[in-house]
Amino acid sequence: MIFQLWMPLVLAVMIFLIGLMGVIFRRNLLIMMMGIELMLNASNLLFVTFSKIHQRVDGEVMSIFVMAIAAAEAAAGLGLVIALFRTLKTVNSDSIQLLRD
């Protein structure tokens, strides 16, 4: 099968939109974090696709940096979610009002 530009672009846009909808419409913090991970993975797909098209390694290097940022975000985010769940017994973002009080 011949590599065509539109295939990974359409896939990356679909993955990004699924992640964006998860962040915007869902109120569960874990689902919101999964949406952020999907958006980061879509950007990785675009970096690697354009790197392959231009025959340069810049996209792969940037993708590795994005993966490192995603791993740090997941570790810190899950730690915060666990701490909030232990305190409030919920991970619903609507019921969290610690900073408002």
Protein backbone atom coordinates (compact mmCIF):
# COMPACT_ATOMS: atom_id res chain seq x y z
CA MET A 1 0.00 0.00 0.00
CA ILE A 2 1.34 3.39 -0.96
CA PHE A 3 1.90 5.89 1.84
CA GLN A 4 -0.45 8.79 1.32
CA LEU A 5 -0.40 12.01 3.30
CA TRP A 6 -4.10 12.20 4.06
CA MET A 7 -4.31 8.85 5.87
CA PRO A 8 -2.31 9.67 9.03
CA LEU A 9 -3.56 13.26 8.97
CA VAL A 10 -7.19 12.17 9.07
CA LEU A 11 -6.41 9.60 11.76
CA ALA A 12 -4.56 12.17 13.87
CA VAL A 13 -7.41 14.68 13.55
CA MET A 14 -9.95 12.03 14.55
CA ILE A 15 -7.88 10.97 17.57
CA PHE A 16 -7.37 14.60 18.59
CA LEU A 17 -11.09 15.36 18.33
CA ILE A 18 -12.00 12.29 20.39
CA GLY A 19 -9.58 13.46 23.08
CA LEU A 20 -10.89 17.02 22.91
CA MET A 21 -14.47 15.82 23.29
CA GLY A 22 -13.40 13.75 26.30
CA VAL A 23 -11.85 16.80 27.94
CA ILE A 24 -14.73 19.17 27.16
CA PHE A 25 -17.81 17.04 27.75
CA ARG A 26 -16.84 14.60 30.49
CA ARG A 27 -16.61 15.61 34.13
CA ASN A 28 -14.60 12.63 35.43
CA LEU A 29 -10.98 13.66 36.00
CA LEU A 30 -9.63 10.28 34.83
CA ILE A 31 -11.53 10.53 31.54
CA MET A 32 -10.26 14.09 31.12
CA MET A 33 -6.67 12.89 31.62
CA MET A 34 -7.21 10.13 29.05
CA GLY A 35 -8.46 12.79 26.63
CA ILE A 36 -5.29 14.81 27.15
CA GLU A 37 -3.23 11.68 26.49
CA LEU A 38 -5.15 11.09 23.26
CA MET A 39 -4.46 14.66 22.12
CA LEU A 40 -0.75 14.26 22.86
CA ASN A 41 -0.67 10.97 20.94
CA ALA A 42 -2.36 12.64 17.97
CA SER A 43 0.34 15.30 17.96
CA ASN A 44 2.98 12.55 18.09
CA LEU A 45 1.41 10.93 15.04
CA LEU A 46 1.58 14.22 13.17
CA PHE A 47 5.22 14.80 14.17
CA VAL A 48 6.24 11.36 12.93
CA THR A 49 4.17 11.69 9.73
CA PHE A 50 5.71 14.98 8.72
CA SER A 51 9.13 13.70 9.71
CA LYS A 52 8.67 10.78 7.33
CA ILE A 53 7.44 13.06 4.54
CA HIS A 54 10.39 15.46 4.84
CA GLN A 55 12.97 12.70 5.49
CA ARG A 56 14.25 14.36 8.68
CA VAL A 57 14.52 13.14 12.25
CA ASP A 58 13.22 16.32 13.87
CA GLY A 59 9.71 14.89 14.17
CA GLU A 60 10.87 11.72 15.89
CA VAL A 61 12.95 13.72 18.37
CA MET A 62 10.03 16.01 19.14
CA SER A 63 7.80 12.97 19.53
CA ILE A 64 10.15 11.55 22.17
CA PHE A 65 10.00 14.85 24.08
CA VAL A 66 6.20 14.82 23.90
CA MET A 67 6.16 11.25 25.24
CA ALA A 68 8.35 12.31 28.16
CA ILE A 69 6.01 15.21 28.91
CA ALA A 70 3.00 12.89 28.67
CA ALA A 71 4.58 10.44 31.12
CA ALA A 72 5.32 13.23 33.60
CA GLU A 73 1.80 14.60 33.19
CA ALA A 74 0.29 11.18 33.78
CA ALA A 75 2.35 10.56 36.90
CA ALA A 76 1.66 13.96 38.45
CA GLY A 77 -1.99 13.97 37.38
CA LEU A 78 -2.72 10.52 38.74
CA GLY A 79 -1.05 11.46 42.01
CA LEU A 80 -3.31 14.49 42.29
CA VAL A 81 -6.40 12.48 41.37
CA ILE A 82 -5.60 9.85 44.00
CA ALA A 83 -5.05 12.56 46.64
CA LEU A 84 -8.35 14.23 45.71
CA PHE A 85 -10.19 10.91 45.80
CA ARG A 86 -8.82 10.10 49.25
CA THR A 87 -9.92 13.51 50.51
CA LEU A 88 -13.26 14.02 48.75
CA LYS A 89 -14.28 10.43 47.82
CA THR A 90 -15.03 11.55 44.25
CA VAL A 91 -13.20 12.29 41.00
CA ASN A 92 -16.00 14.38 39.52
CA SER A 93 -14.64 17.78 38.51
CA ASP A 94 -17.94 19.55 39.25
CA SER A 95 -17.85 18.62 42.93
CA ILE A 96 -14.29 19.79 43.53
CA GLN A 97 -14.42 23.25 45.09
CA LEU A 98 -11.28 23.33 47.21
CA LEU A 99 -9.89 26.50 45.64
CA ARG A 100 -13.20 28.36 45.77
CA ASP A 101 -13.53 28.23 49.56
